[in-house]
Amino acid sequence: MNNKIKDVWFYIVVQNPGASSEQFMGYTDKETKATFIPCFKSKEIAQQCFLLMPKDIMKEKYEVQAIIKEDLIALAEKQSYEIFLLDDKGKILVQIK
């Protein structure tokens, strides 16, 4: 039996996937001024919440992508972002980092 711990994956929204301007979609909370990357437990939840998110759909392309938790945390730390797990309505469930 393999005792290796299974990787934890989250889903995030990527703006301009595959382009030189590719970046994770992030937000700044108007009340707390916290800057964060929203992540989700499944692609379906991410897609449902994405429909409610403010975005510039006329100029930008968006795609939901999976990412390993450790990679998401490393990127967020480099850019001084927090990470919050959201539900399909955009409600914060828990802080990841």
Protein backbone atom coordinates (compact mmCIF):
# COMPACT_ATOMS: atom_id res chain seq x y z
CA MET A 1 0.00 0.00 0.00
CA ASN A 2 1.30 3.45 -0.90
CA ASN A 3 1.57 5.81 2.09
CA LYS A 4 2.22 8.88 -0.04
CA ILE A 5 -0.05 11.80 0.80
CA LYS A 6 -2.35 12.75 -2.05
CA ASP A 7 -1.89 16.27 -3.46
CA VAL A 8 -4.58 18.81 -2.61
CA TRP A 9 -5.98 20.65 -5.63
CA PHE A 10 -8.01 23.83 -5.83
CA TYR A 11 -9.59 25.62 -8.77
CA ILE A 12 -8.89 29.25 -9.58
CA VAL A 13 -9.85 31.66 -12.33
CA VAL A 14 -7.01 32.60 -14.69
CA GLN A 15 -7.16 35.81 -16.69
CA ASN A 16 -5.69 35.65 -20.22
CA PRO A 17 -4.61 31.98 -19.99
CA GLY A 18 -1.60 31.13 -22.14
CA ALA A 19 -0.80 34.78 -22.92
CA SER A 20 2.19 36.76 -21.67
CA SER A 21 -0.27 38.73 -19.53
CA GLU A 22 -1.63 35.56 -17.85
CA GLN A 23 -2.42 36.02 -14.16
CA PHE A 24 -4.60 34.61 -11.40
CA MET A 25 -7.76 36.58 -10.83
CA GLY A 26 -7.51 38.39 -7.51
CA TYR A 27 -9.66 40.82 -5.57
CA THR A 28 -9.37 43.55 -2.98
CA ASP A 29 -12.11 43.58 -0.36
CA LYS A 30 -13.60 47.08 -0.23
CA GLU A 31 -14.17 46.99 3.54
CA THR A 32 -11.05 45.27 4.87
CA LYS A 33 -8.72 46.16 1.96
CA ALA A 34 -7.49 42.55 2.05
CA THR A 35 -6.11 41.41 -1.30
CA PHE A 36 -6.87 37.77 -2.05
CA ILE A 37 -7.08 35.03 -4.64
CA PRO A 38 -10.42 33.21 -4.58
CA CYS A 39 -10.17 29.43 -4.88
CA PHE A 40 -12.76 26.69 -5.04
CA LYS A 41 -13.16 22.98 -4.23
CA SER A 42 -14.35 22.04 -7.72
CA LYS A 43 -14.39 23.35 -11.25
CA GLU A 44 -18.18 23.45 -11.20
CA ILE A 45 -18.26 25.63 -8.06
CA ALA A 46 -15.65 27.95 -9.59
CA GLN A 47 -17.67 28.30 -12.78
CA GLN A 48 -20.88 29.05 -10.87
CA CYS A 49 -19.19 31.72 -8.73
CA PHE A 50 -17.39 33.17 -11.75
CA LEU A 51 -20.75 34.18 -13.21
CA LEU A 52 -21.27 36.44 -10.16
CA MET A 53 -17.74 37.93 -10.11
CA PRO A 54 -17.03 41.44 -11.38
CA LYS A 55 -14.82 41.20 -14.47
CA ASP A 56 -14.03 42.86 -17.76
CA ILE A 57 -15.49 40.27 -20.12
CA MET A 58 -15.14 42.49 -23.15
CA LYS A 59 -11.35 42.84 -23.01
CA GLU A 60 -10.13 39.75 -21.20
CA LYS A 61 -10.38 35.97 -21.54
CA TYR A 62 -10.99 33.86 -18.43
CA GLU A 63 -10.59 30.16 -17.72
CA VAL A 64 -11.02 27.99 -14.62
CA GLN A 65 -7.91 25.91 -13.98
CA ALA A 66 -6.77 23.42 -11.34
CA ILE A 67 -3.69 24.15 -9.23
CA ILE A 68 -1.86 22.25 -6.50
CA LYS A 69 -2.31 23.90 -3.09
CA GLU A 70 1.44 24.35 -2.53
CA ASP A 71 1.91 26.13 -5.88
CA LEU A 72 -1.03 28.42 -5.16
CA ILE A 73 0.37 29.32 -1.73
CA ALA A 74 3.86 29.96 -3.13
CA LEU A 75 2.52 32.34 -5.79
CA ALA A 76 0.24 34.13 -3.34
CA GLU A 77 3.14 34.67 -0.93
CA LYS A 78 5.32 36.17 -3.68
CA GLN A 79 2.57 38.67 -4.53
CA SER A 80 1.44 39.33 -0.92
CA TYR A 81 -2.03 37.88 -1.57
CA GLU A 82 -4.16 35.96 0.86
CA ILE A 83 -6.15 32.93 -0.36
CA PHE A 84 -9.78 32.29 0.51
CA LEU A 85 -11.88 29.25 -0.30
CA LEU A 86 -15.26 30.43 -1.64
CA ASP A 87 -18.55 28.71 -2.32
CA ASP A 88 -20.59 28.99 -5.52
CA LYS A 89 -22.19 32.26 -4.31
CA GLY A 90 -18.86 33.94 -3.48
CA LYS A 91 -19.16 33.46 0.29
CA ILE A 92 -15.83 32.95 2.06
CA LEU A 93 -15.71 29.51 3.68
CA VAL A 94 -12.16 29.49 5.06
CA GLN A 95 -8.82 31.22 4.69
CA ILE A 96 -6.22 28.95 3.06
CA LYS A 97 -3.27 31.34 3.58
